[in-house]
Amino acid sequence: MSDRVFVFDTTLRDGEQSPGATMNLDEKIRMARQLETLGVDIIEAGFPIASQGDFEAVQAICKAVGDVQVAGLCRTVIKDIDRCWQAVKEARNPRIHTFVATSDIHMKYKLNKSPEQVLDMAAKAVSHAAQYTSNVEFSAEDASRSDWDFLVKVFETAIAAGATTCNVPDTVGYTQPFEYYEMIQYLLGNIPNAGKAIFSVHCHNDLGLAVANSLAAIQAGARQVECTVSGIGERAGNAALEEVVMAINTRKELYNVETRIDTEQIYPSCRRLSQIIGQPIPPYKAIVGTNAFAHESGVHQDGVIKNRLTYEIMTPASIGRTGTDIVIGKHSGSHAVKKKAEELGYELDDEHLAMLFSAVKELADKKEQIYDEDVEAMILEKVYRRRDKFRLVDMSVFSGTGDVPPHAAVVMEFGSLGGEVDIRRISSFGEGSIDAVFKAIYGLVGVPAKLERYSVNAVTQGSDALGSVAVRIEHEGIKAVGRATDADVVRASALAMINALNRLEKTREEK
């Protein structure tokens, strides 16, 4: 019988720290529900002490999901642990995840603590957390650069204090697979009470080895793997959930372990994340990229036609990837639209269904064929987009190559806490049509933000494809990301900028 490997997903905590991957509360809840559908065992929902927004998001996720465990991250500080428990306590199965650095460089330069002091911190923190719940995870930050014998002491102390999961992170993506394998085996063989805890691994991808290191650790005896959807995360990212799971599934005879992941929800989960954060799945991304099951070489095509196993080690269907052609169009009824939304993993009430149905009809008048990605983009843009302080009412753009420079006229609606609405208009010149639109919006809002990133991607194929625009702006030290989708790329750009400015305003108000 195969051993069970628990999948600990940190997309909503570590993954959200990836530049441009910030999510609002509604987006976090939708992603959490998708992770539950995917079958992850533990969702790390956030870092409750970090901000009021993080605290509220963790609380909301605990209420939104069912059987899946929900973890909050906290330092080995009593006030952190108390705050974490307040955030996760309403989950059906809450977990407190506390951590402290254990490498010489971190203890000396970051913590300014001796090894003995770190041991004491770990013991007190875990003991305090264990007063709230028996589901306590302890992490030795930068374990891969720590002294192995010191790690033995730290984990022995944590387990004795009540830790039921011990995490051995490769925090900076430094270790190598063979080295990590030896480390996990050494710890399991030398920690006297190792059998009382599940050992976990959390790998970063700085050297491109996060998945390889995670798999090596599983071979060595680790039985929890911490990862993110599409591998998003700080710097070069984390171990990609879909790659770890499909490696285990595809090579069962090597690993002899299993997860409870529903692999047919892998592609829908990656697509859901992509839609939420406004970053496309790279075409060469393993497992879920658009080229993962594409064959251009004649030799490959001939082989696949004769037998798919010649050049495919897994099927598109095994990860939930099916044809994108759908029958939704101008003649589709509301029942068909509702069914399509459900197939994409969205449960809509009557009000939201009416909004989607209206958007589908409007789009069907503009383009010949509507794809799954189009429907999902409309759900996120038309149904789930919150009513914000700034809203685009109308715009007109002129773009030319003659003596008259590109210019734009923009009409916006400004809301207030009292419910009053103010309509404002402005026109502006620019170096190009997008620049003119952005300058007009800046003029109306009164925020000359710095544009740090601007990207445009087609949601589907064809010249009539929806354009997905993502922007990142900065103003007075505050950064915000905005995303929008529209058949008109210039309008999508305006909507994305307004979305970013609304997020900037909300962050400023919270501060």
Protein backbone atom coordinates (compact mmCIF):
# COMPACT_ATOMS: atom_id res chain seq x y z
CA MET A 1 0.00 0.00 0.00
CA SER A 2 1.30 3.47 -0.92
CA ASP A 3 2.15 6.06 1.72
CA ARG A 4 0.15 9.27 1.83
CA VAL A 5 1.84 12.57 1.00
CA PHE A 6 -0.02 15.62 2.31
CA VAL A 7 -0.19 18.61 -0.04
CA PHE A 8 0.23 21.94 1.77
CA ASP A 9 -0.65 24.76 -0.60
CA THR A 10 0.76 28.21 0.11
CA THR A 11 -0.46 30.01 -3.03
CA LEU A 12 -2.44 32.46 -0.90
CA ARG A 13 0.47 33.25 1.43
CA ASP A 14 3.91 32.67 -0.10
CA GLY A 15 2.56 32.71 -3.66
CA GLU A 16 0.85 36.07 -3.18
CA GLN A 17 4.24 37.58 -2.32
CA SER A 18 5.19 37.14 -5.97
CA PRO A 19 5.38 40.59 -7.65
CA GLY A 20 2.08 41.33 -9.37
CA ALA A 21 0.21 38.46 -7.72
CA THR A 22 -1.64 40.46 -5.06
CA MET A 23 -5.27 39.37 -4.59
CA ASN A 24 -8.20 41.08 -2.92
CA LEU A 25 -10.47 39.34 -0.42
CA ASP A 26 -12.99 38.05 -2.96
CA GLU A 27 -10.21 36.71 -5.19
CA LYS A 28 -8.56 34.91 -2.27
CA ILE A 29 -11.84 33.26 -1.32
CA ARG A 30 -12.48 32.11 -4.90
CA MET A 31 -8.95 30.70 -5.12
CA ALA A 32 -9.31 28.98 -1.74
CA ARG A 33 -12.51 27.27 -2.87
CA GLN A 34 -10.76 26.11 -6.03
CA LEU A 35 -7.89 24.71 -3.96
CA GLU A 36 -10.42 22.78 -1.90
CA THR A 37 -11.94 21.41 -5.11
CA LEU A 38 -8.43 20.50 -6.27
CA GLY A 39 -8.04 18.38 -3.15
CA VAL A 40 -5.18 20.00 -1.27
CA ASP A 41 -4.91 18.92 2.37
CA ILE A 42 -3.85 22.24 3.89
CA ILE A 43 -4.35 25.80 2.68
CA GLU A 44 -1.94 28.35 4.14
CA ALA A 45 -4.26 31.34 4.01
CA GLY A 46 -1.96 34.15 5.09
CA PHE A 47 0.17 35.85 7.73
CA PRO A 48 -2.44 37.27 10.15
CA ILE A 49 -0.11 39.58 12.10
CA ALA A 50 1.16 41.22 8.88
CA SER A 51 -1.89 43.46 8.37
CA GLN A 52 -5.57 43.81 9.14
CA GLY A 53 -6.30 42.83 5.54
CA ASP A 54 -4.34 39.60 5.91
CA PHE A 55 -6.10 38.84 9.20
CA GLU A 56 -9.55 39.35 7.68
CA ALA A 57 -8.66 37.28 4.62
CA VAL A 58 -7.57 34.33 6.75
CA GLN A 59 -10.77 34.57 8.80
CA ALA A 60 -12.93 34.71 5.67
CA ILE A 61 -11.18 31.72 4.08
CA CYS A 62 -11.72 29.68 7.25
CA LYS A 63 -15.45 30.32 6.93
CA ALA A 64 -15.55 29.76 3.17
CA VAL A 65 -13.99 26.27 2.96
CA GLY A 66 -15.00 22.96 4.49
CA ASP A 67 -12.93 19.88 5.30
CA VAL A 68 -9.57 21.26 4.17
CA GLN A 69 -7.19 22.37 6.94
CA VAL A 70 -6.49 26.12 7.09
CA ALA A 71 -3.14 27.36 8.38
CA GLY A 72 -1.96 30.78 9.42
CA LEU A 73 1.72 31.69 9.53
CA CYS A 74 3.31 33.35 12.56
CA ARG A 75 6.75 34.02 13.98
CA THR A 76 7.86 32.44 17.27
CA VAL A 77 6.43 35.46 19.06
CA ILE A 78 3.55 35.15 21.52
CA LYS A 79 1.53 38.06 20.07
CA ASP A 80 1.94 36.58 16.56
CA ILE A 81 0.64 33.22 17.73
CA ASP A 82 -2.32 34.76 19.55
CA ARG A 83 -3.24 36.79 16.48
CA CYS A 84 -2.87 33.73 14.25
CA TRP A 85 -5.22 31.70 16.43
CA GLN A 86 -7.83 34.45 16.41
CA ALA A 87 -7.72 34.31 12.59
CA VAL A 88 -7.86 30.52 12.11
CA LYS A 89 -9.93 29.31 15.07
CA GLU A 90 -13.20 29.20 13.12
CA ALA A 91 -11.82 26.77 10.55
CA ARG A 92 -13.09 23.22 10.76
CA ASN A 93 -9.50 22.04 11.21
CA PRO A 94 -7.23 25.02 12.04
CA ARG A 95 -3.43 24.90 12.03
CA ILE A 96 -0.91 27.27 13.59
CA HIS A 97 2.32 27.40 11.57
CA THR A 98 5.16 29.04 13.49
CA PHE A 99 8.74 29.51 12.32
CA VAL A 100 12.17 30.73 13.38
CA ALA A 101 15.46 30.92 11.46
CA THR A 102 18.08 28.30 12.32
CA SER A 103 21.04 28.95 9.99
CA ASP A 104 24.15 30.63 11.40
CA ILE A 105 23.84 33.57 9.01
CA HIS A 106 20.19 34.20 9.92
CA MET A 107 20.66 33.75 13.67
CA LYS A 108 23.65 36.12 13.71
CA TYR A 109 22.62 38.86 11.28
CA LYS A 110 18.81 38.75 11.22
CA LEU A 111 17.81 37.57 14.69
CA ASN A 112 20.91 38.55 16.64
CA LYS A 113 20.29 35.44 18.75
CA SER A 114 22.43 32.55 19.93
CA PRO A 115 21.52 28.95 19.08
CA GLU A 116 20.44 28.42 22.71
CA GLN A 117 18.10 31.42 22.52
CA VAL A 118 16.59 30.11 19.27
CA LEU A 119 15.97 26.72 20.90
CA ASP A 120 14.20 28.47 23.76
CA MET A 121 12.10 30.55 21.35
CA ALA A 122 11.02 27.43 19.46
CA ALA A 123 10.06 25.58 22.66
CA LYS A 124 8.04 28.47 24.10
CA ALA A 125 6.28 29.26 20.83
CA VAL A 126 5.24 25.71 20.05
CA SER A 127 4.09 25.15 23.65
CA HIS A 128 1.97 28.29 23.49
CA ALA A 129 0.47 27.33 20.12
CA ALA A 130 -0.28 23.81 21.40
CA GLN A 131 -2.50 25.33 24.08
CA TYR A 132 -4.85 26.40 21.29
CA THR A 133 -4.69 23.37 18.99
CA SER A 134 -2.93 20.03 18.58
CA ASN A 135 -2.40 20.90 14.90
CA VAL A 136 0.88 22.83 15.17
CA GLU A 137 3.53 23.07 12.47
CA PHE A 138 7.06 24.24 13.23
CA SER A 139 9.44 25.46 10.51
CA ALA A 140 13.20 25.92 10.77
CA GLU A 141 13.70 28.80 8.33
CA ASP A 142 16.76 28.42 6.08
CA ALA A 143 17.12 24.80 7.22
CA SER A 144 19.10 23.86 4.11
CA ARG A 145 21.94 26.17 5.25
CA SER A 146 21.69 25.16 8.92
CA ASP A 147 23.93 22.83 10.88
CA TRP A 148 22.35 19.38 10.75
CA ASP A 149 23.04 18.54 14.37
CA PHE A 150 21.51 21.83 15.48
CA LEU A 151 18.44 21.01 13.37
CA VAL A 152 18.17 17.69 15.22
CA LYS A 153 18.03 19.61 18.52
CA VAL A 154 15.54 22.18 17.22
CA PHE A 155 13.11 19.63 15.83
CA GLU A 156 13.44 17.35 18.86
CA THR A 157 12.60 20.35 21.05
CA ALA A 158 9.65 21.41 18.86
CA ILE A 159 8.14 17.91 18.79
CA ALA A 160 8.53 17.59 22.57
CA ALA A 161 6.72 20.93 22.92
CA GLY A 162 3.78 19.75 20.80
CA ALA A 163 4.62 20.17 17.10
CA THR A 164 2.90 17.55 14.95
CA THR A 165 4.44 18.72 11.65
CA CYS A 166 8.10 19.70 11.21
CA ASN A 167 9.04 21.65 8.11
CA VAL A 168 12.58 21.62 6.66
CA PRO A 169 12.60 24.56 4.22
CA ASP A 170 15.06 25.28 1.46
CA THR A 171 14.23 28.94 1.97
CA VAL A 172 16.66 30.39 -0.57
CA GLY A 173 16.68 27.53 -3.10
CA TYR A 174 20.28 26.68 -2.25
CA THR A 175 20.37 22.91 -1.76
CA GLN A 176 20.78 20.16 -4.36
CA PRO A 177 18.52 17.09 -4.69
CA PHE A 178 21.09 14.51 -3.51
CA GLU A 179 22.09 16.78 -0.63
CA TYR A 180 18.48 17.37 0.43
CA TYR A 181 17.78 13.64 0.30
CA GLU A 182 20.70 13.00 2.66
CA MET A 183 19.57 15.79 5.01
CA ILE A 184 16.02 14.45 5.35
CA GLN A 185 17.30 10.93 5.94
CA TYR A 186 19.78 12.22 8.54
CA LEU A 187 17.07 14.10 10.43
CA LEU A 188 14.62 11.21 10.39
CA GLY A 189 17.34 8.84 11.57
CA ASN A 190 18.74 11.05 14.34
CA ILE A 191 15.78 12.89 15.88
CA PRO A 192 14.70 10.60 18.75
CA ASN A 193 11.00 11.54 18.58
CA ALA A 194 10.78 11.93 14.79
CA GLY A 195 8.04 9.29 14.63
CA LYS A 196 5.64 11.64 16.47
CA ALA A 197 5.56 14.20 13.64
CA ILE A 198 5.11 14.42 9.89
CA PHE A 199 8.18 15.88 8.18
CA SER A 200 7.53 18.50 5.52
CA VAL A 201 9.54 20.29 2.84
CA HIS A 202 9.18 23.79 1.42
CA CYS A 203 11.44 24.48 -1.56
CA HIS A 204 12.18 27.64 -3.50
CA ASN A 205 13.24 27.70 -7.12
CA ASP A 206 16.24 30.04 -7.19
CA LEU A 207 18.36 27.40 -8.94
CA GLY A 208 15.42 25.78 -10.74
CA LEU A 209 15.47 22.79 -8.38
CA ALA A 210 12.37 23.30 -6.21
CA VAL A 211 10.42 20.39 -7.68
CA ALA A 212 13.47 18.10 -7.89
CA ASN A 213 14.36 18.86 -4.27
CA SER A 214 10.77 18.25 -3.13
CA LEU A 215 10.68 14.88 -4.88
CA ALA A 216 14.09 13.91 -3.44
CA ALA A 217 12.77 14.73 0.04
CA ILE A 218 9.70 12.58 -0.54
CA GLN A 219 11.95 9.70 -1.56
CA ALA A 220 13.89 10.23 1.66
CA GLY A 221 10.77 10.00 3.81
CA ALA A 222 9.15 13.45 3.94
CA ARG A 223 5.37 13.10 3.88
CA GLN A 224 4.21 16.68 3.41
CA VAL A 225 5.16 18.88 0.48
CA GLU A 226 4.60 22.64 0.48
CA CYS A 227 3.99 24.14 -2.93
CA THR A 228 2.01 26.68 -4.96
CA VAL A 229 -0.18 26.57 -8.04
CA SER A 230 1.97 27.25 -11.14
CA GLY A 231 4.96 27.63 -8.79
CA ILE A 232 4.31 31.31 -8.04
CA GLY A 233 6.13 32.86 -5.10
CA GLU A 234 8.94 35.13 -4.02
CA ARG A 235 11.91 35.61 -6.32
CA ALA A 236 11.97 32.60 -8.71
CA GLY A 237 8.94 31.04 -7.03
CA ASN A 238 8.11 27.87 -5.13
CA ALA A 239 7.79 24.22 -6.04
CA ALA A 240 4.95 23.94 -8.55
CA LEU A 241 2.09 21.84 -7.18
CA GLU A 242 1.12 20.49 -10.59
CA GLU A 243 4.68 19.34 -11.35
CA VAL A 244 5.19 17.58 -8.02
CA VAL A 245 1.81 15.82 -8.17
CA MET A 246 2.07 14.71 -11.80
CA ALA A 247 5.65 13.46 -11.27
CA ILE A 248 4.34 11.30 -8.40
CA ASN A 249 1.38 10.12 -10.47
CA THR A 250 3.32 9.46 -13.64
CA ARG A 251 6.13 7.56 -11.89
CA LYS A 252 4.17 5.71 -9.21
CA GLU A 253 6.51 2.75 -9.36
CA LEU A 254 9.41 4.96 -8.24
CA TYR A 255 7.80 6.94 -5.43
CA ASN A 256 5.18 4.49 -4.14
CA VAL A 257 3.24 7.38 -2.57
CA GLU A 258 -0.10 9.00 -3.32
CA THR A 259 -1.91 12.30 -2.77
CA ARG A 260 -5.61 13.14 -2.63
CA ILE A 261 -5.25 15.68 -5.44
CA ASP A 262 -7.94 15.47 -8.15
CA THR A 263 -5.57 15.80 -11.10
CA GLU A 264 -8.41 16.75 -13.45
CA GLN A 265 -8.66 19.99 -11.45
CA ILE A 266 -5.00 20.90 -12.04
CA TYR A 267 -5.45 22.84 -15.28
CA PRO A 268 -8.66 24.58 -14.10
CA SER A 269 -6.80 25.63 -10.92
CA CYS A 270 -3.83 27.05 -12.84
CA ARG A 271 -6.19 28.83 -15.22
CA ARG A 272 -8.18 30.23 -12.30
CA LEU A 273 -5.02 31.65 -10.73
CA SER A 274 -3.91 33.08 -14.06
CA GLN A 275 -7.23 34.87 -14.49
CA ILE A 276 -7.18 36.26 -10.96
CA ILE A 277 -3.63 37.64 -10.95
CA GLY A 278 -3.71 38.71 -14.60
CA GLN A 279 -0.56 36.80 -15.53
CA PRO A 280 -0.76 34.29 -18.40
CA ILE A 281 0.47 30.73 -18.06
CA PRO A 282 3.81 30.65 -19.96
CA PRO A 283 3.44 28.55 -23.12
CA TYR A 284 6.44 26.35 -22.21
CA LYS A 285 5.28 25.81 -18.61
CA ALA A 286 5.51 22.13 -17.70
CA ILE A 287 2.18 20.27 -17.40
CA VAL A 288 -0.15 23.23 -18.07
CA GLY A 289 1.52 25.44 -20.71
CA THR A 290 -0.17 25.75 -24.12
CA ASN A 291 2.76 23.90 -25.72
CA ALA A 292 2.81 21.05 -23.18
CA PHE A 293 0.70 18.83 -25.46
CA ALA A 294 1.52 20.52 -28.80
CA HIS A 295 3.52 18.69 -31.49
CA GLU A 296 5.01 20.49 -34.50
CA SER A 297 7.76 18.10 -35.56
CA GLY A 298 6.60 15.80 -38.35
CA VAL A 299 8.19 12.78 -36.69
CA HIS A 300 6.44 13.59 -33.42
CA GLN A 301 3.10 14.21 -35.13
CA ASP A 302 3.31 10.89 -36.93
CA GLY A 303 4.11 9.08 -33.70
CA VAL A 304 1.29 10.73 -31.75
CA ILE A 305 -1.23 9.95 -34.48
CA LYS A 306 -0.26 6.27 -34.34
CA ASN A 307 -0.06 6.10 -30.54
CA ARG A 308 -0.13 9.10 -28.18
CA LEU A 309 2.21 7.33 -25.75
CA THR A 310 5.06 7.69 -28.22
CA TYR A 311 5.52 11.35 -27.28
CA GLU A 312 3.08 11.99 -24.41
CA ILE A 313 3.67 10.56 -20.94
CA MET A 314 0.31 11.83 -19.68
CA THR A 315 -2.96 12.81 -21.34
CA PRO A 316 -4.45 16.30 -21.51
CA ALA A 317 -7.61 14.89 -19.92
CA SER A 318 -5.64 13.67 -16.89
CA ILE A 319 -5.03 17.29 -15.82
CA GLY A 320 -8.49 18.51 -16.79
CA ARG A 321 -7.48 19.99 -20.11
CA THR A 322 -10.10 19.54 -22.80
CA GLY A 323 -10.96 21.27 -26.04
CA THR A 324 -11.76 24.96 -25.67
CA ASP A 325 -14.35 25.14 -28.46
CA ILE A 326 -17.79 25.73 -26.92
CA VAL A 327 -21.29 26.38 -28.20
CA ILE A 328 -21.96 29.51 -26.16
CA GLY A 329 -23.00 32.32 -28.47
CA LYS A 330 -25.67 34.89 -29.27
CA HIS A 331 -28.39 32.22 -29.43
CA SER A 332 -27.44 30.51 -26.17
CA GLY A 333 -29.95 30.53 -23.33
CA SER A 334 -29.32 31.31 -19.69
CA HIS A 335 -29.35 27.61 -18.77
CA ALA A 336 -26.48 26.91 -21.17
CA VAL A 337 -24.53 29.87 -19.79
CA LYS A 338 -25.16 28.67 -16.23
CA LYS A 339 -23.99 25.15 -17.10
CA LYS A 340 -20.83 26.49 -18.70
CA ALA A 341 -20.09 28.58 -15.60
CA GLU A 342 -20.53 25.47 -13.43
CA GLU A 343 -18.17 23.49 -15.69
CA LEU A 344 -15.59 26.22 -15.10
CA GLY A 345 -16.09 25.88 -11.34
CA TYR A 346 -18.28 28.93 -10.62
CA GLU A 347 -21.54 28.72 -8.66
CA LEU A 348 -23.58 31.80 -9.58
CA ASP A 349 -26.80 33.04 -7.97
CA ASP A 350 -29.62 34.42 -10.13
CA GLU A 351 -28.35 38.00 -9.95
CA HIS A 352 -24.81 37.06 -10.99
CA LEU A 353 -26.12 34.73 -13.70
CA ALA A 354 -28.15 37.57 -15.18
CA MET A 355 -25.03 39.76 -15.22
CA LEU A 356 -23.03 37.05 -16.97
CA PHE A 357 -25.80 36.27 -19.45
CA SER A 358 -26.00 39.95 -20.42
CA ALA A 359 -22.21 40.12 -20.84
CA VAL A 360 -22.22 36.98 -23.02
CA LYS A 361 -24.88 38.45 -25.29
CA GLU A 362 -22.94 41.69 -25.57
CA LEU A 363 -19.69 39.88 -26.43
CA ALA A 364 -21.46 37.56 -28.90
CA ASP A 365 -22.37 40.62 -30.98
CA LYS A 366 -18.68 41.49 -31.24
CA LYS A 367 -16.96 38.16 -31.92
CA GLU A 368 -17.88 35.03 -33.85
CA GLN A 369 -16.83 32.34 -31.36
CA ILE A 370 -16.78 32.42 -27.57
CA TYR A 371 -14.33 30.22 -25.65
CA ASP A 372 -14.12 28.98 -22.08
CA GLU A 373 -11.46 31.59 -21.35
CA ASP A 374 -13.79 34.33 -22.64
CA VAL A 375 -16.57 33.17 -20.31
CA GLU A 376 -14.21 32.98 -17.35
CA ALA A 377 -12.82 36.44 -18.10
CA MET A 378 -16.35 37.85 -18.16
CA ILE A 379 -17.21 36.17 -14.86
CA LEU A 380 -14.18 37.76 -13.21
CA GLU A 381 -14.61 41.13 -14.90
CA LYS A 382 -18.39 41.61 -14.92
CA VAL A 383 -19.61 39.50 -12.01
CA TYR A 384 -16.92 39.61 -9.33
CA ARG A 385 -15.42 43.05 -9.88
CA ARG A 386 -16.30 45.20 -6.88
CA ARG A 387 -17.87 48.61 -7.21
CA ASP A 388 -14.97 50.98 -6.69
CA LYS A 389 -14.47 54.65 -5.93
CA PHE A 390 -13.36 55.39 -9.51
CA ARG A 391 -15.30 54.03 -12.49
CA LEU A 392 -14.93 54.51 -16.24
CA VAL A 393 -18.07 55.90 -17.87
CA ASP A 394 -16.90 56.62 -21.42
CA MET A 395 -13.80 57.35 -23.44
CA SER A 396 -12.75 58.43 -26.89
CA VAL A 397 -9.26 57.97 -28.29
CA PHE A 398 -7.55 59.44 -31.34
CA SER A 399 -4.38 57.88 -32.67
CA GLY A 400 -2.61 59.23 -35.71
CA THR A 401 0.77 59.68 -37.37
CA GLY A 402 0.30 63.21 -38.63
CA ASP A 403 0.69 66.66 -37.07
CA VAL A 404 -2.03 66.04 -34.45
CA PRO A 405 -0.59 63.95 -31.59
CA PRO A 406 -2.55 61.08 -30.05
CA HIS A 407 -5.11 62.28 -27.53
CA ALA A 408 -7.89 60.88 -25.37
CA ALA A 409 -11.09 62.16 -23.78
CA VAL A 410 -12.16 60.30 -20.64
CA VAL A 411 -15.34 60.46 -18.57
CA MET A 412 -15.20 58.97 -15.08
CA GLU A 413 -17.56 58.52 -12.15
CA PHE A 414 -16.30 59.26 -8.65
CA GLY A 415 -18.13 57.73 -5.68
CA SER A 416 -18.02 58.69 -2.03
CA LEU A 417 -18.76 57.12 1.34
CA GLY A 418 -22.03 59.06 1.44
CA GLY A 419 -23.19 57.54 -1.82
CA GLU A 420 -22.93 60.73 -3.87
CA VAL A 421 -21.67 60.37 -7.44
CA ASP A 422 -19.57 62.96 -9.24
CA ILE A 423 -19.05 62.82 -13.02
CA ARG A 424 -15.79 64.33 -14.27
CA ARG A 425 -14.37 64.80 -17.77
CA ILE A 426 -10.92 65.53 -19.15
CA SER A 427 -8.86 65.27 -22.32
CA SER A 428 -5.12 64.79 -22.66
CA PHE A 429 -2.37 64.35 -25.23
CA GLY A 430 0.21 61.56 -25.08
CA GLU A 431 3.07 59.85 -26.88
CA GLY A 432 0.59 57.17 -27.95
CA SER A 433 -3.05 56.32 -27.42
CA ILE A 434 -2.41 54.33 -24.21
CA ASP A 435 -0.17 57.07 -22.82
CA ALA A 436 -2.87 59.65 -23.57
CA VAL A 437 -5.53 57.58 -21.80
CA PHE A 438 -3.33 57.05 -18.73
CA LYS A 439 -2.46 60.78 -18.51
CA ALA A 440 -6.16 61.65 -18.72
CA ILE A 441 -6.99 59.21 -15.91
CA TYR A 442 -4.11 60.54 -13.79
CA GLY A 443 -5.44 64.06 -14.36
CA LEU A 444 -8.94 63.17 -13.20
CA VAL A 445 -7.87 61.15 -10.17
CA GLY A 446 -5.06 63.53 -9.23
CA VAL A 447 -2.51 60.76 -8.75
CA PRO A 448 0.52 60.91 -11.09
CA ALA A 449 1.47 57.30 -10.46
CA LYS A 450 4.62 55.72 -11.86
CA LEU A 451 3.88 52.89 -14.28
CA GLU A 452 6.25 50.03 -13.36
CA ARG A 453 4.79 47.30 -15.55
CA TYR A 454 2.33 47.08 -18.43
CA SER A 455 1.47 43.84 -20.19
CA VAL A 456 -1.14 42.81 -22.75
CA ASN A 457 -2.14 39.25 -23.58
CA ALA A 458 -4.83 37.71 -25.75
CA VAL A 459 -7.25 35.59 -23.72
CA THR A 460 -7.95 33.36 -26.75
CA GLN A 461 -6.80 33.16 -30.35
CA GLY A 462 -7.96 35.32 -33.25
CA SER A 463 -7.99 39.03 -34.01
CA ASP A 464 -11.28 39.37 -32.12
CA ALA A 465 -9.86 37.83 -28.93
CA LEU A 466 -10.41 39.53 -25.61
CA GLY A 467 -7.38 41.50 -24.50
CA SER A 468 -6.17 40.98 -20.93
CA VAL A 469 -4.17 43.91 -19.54
CA ALA A 470 -2.20 44.02 -16.30
CA VAL A 471 -0.47 47.11 -14.88
CA ARG A 472 1.61 47.74 -11.80
CA ILE A 473 1.87 51.29 -10.48
CA GLU A 474 3.68 53.02 -7.62
CA HIS A 475 2.88 56.27 -5.85
CA GLU A 476 4.53 57.62 -2.70
CA GLY A 477 5.93 54.21 -1.78
CA ILE A 478 2.65 52.34 -2.23
CA LYS A 479 2.35 49.81 -5.05
CA ALA A 480 -0.80 48.39 -6.62
CA VAL A 481 -1.65 45.98 -9.42
CA GLY A 482 -4.62 46.41 -11.74
CA ARG A 483 -6.13 43.97 -14.21
CA ALA A 484 -8.91 44.11 -16.78
CA THR A 485 -10.23 42.28 -19.83
CA ASP A 486 -12.08 43.73 -22.80
CA ALA A 487 -12.49 43.22 -26.54
CA ASP A 488 -10.85 46.64 -26.98
CA VAL A 489 -7.27 46.63 -25.72
CA VAL A 490 -7.23 50.41 -25.20
CA ARG A 491 -10.38 50.22 -23.07
CA ALA A 492 -8.95 47.22 -21.20
CA SER A 493 -5.85 49.32 -20.49
CA ALA A 494 -7.98 52.14 -19.07
CA LEU A 495 -9.97 49.72 -16.92
CA ALA A 496 -6.77 48.07 -15.65
CA MET A 497 -5.28 51.44 -14.69
CA ILE A 498 -8.49 52.48 -12.89
CA ASN A 499 -8.53 49.12 -11.10
CA ALA A 500 -4.94 49.74 -9.94
CA LEU A 501 -5.79 53.25 -8.76
CA ASN A 502 -8.77 51.91 -6.81
CA ARG A 503 -6.51 49.37 -5.12
CA LEU A 504 -3.96 52.10 -4.43
CA GLU A 505 -6.68 54.22 -2.82
CA LYS A 506 -7.88 51.32 -0.69
CA THR A 507 -4.34 50.56 0.51
CA ARG A 508 -3.78 54.23 1.36
CA GLU A 509 -7.03 54.35 3.36
CA GLU A 510 -6.05 51.19 5.28
CA LYS A 511 -2.65 52.64 6.11
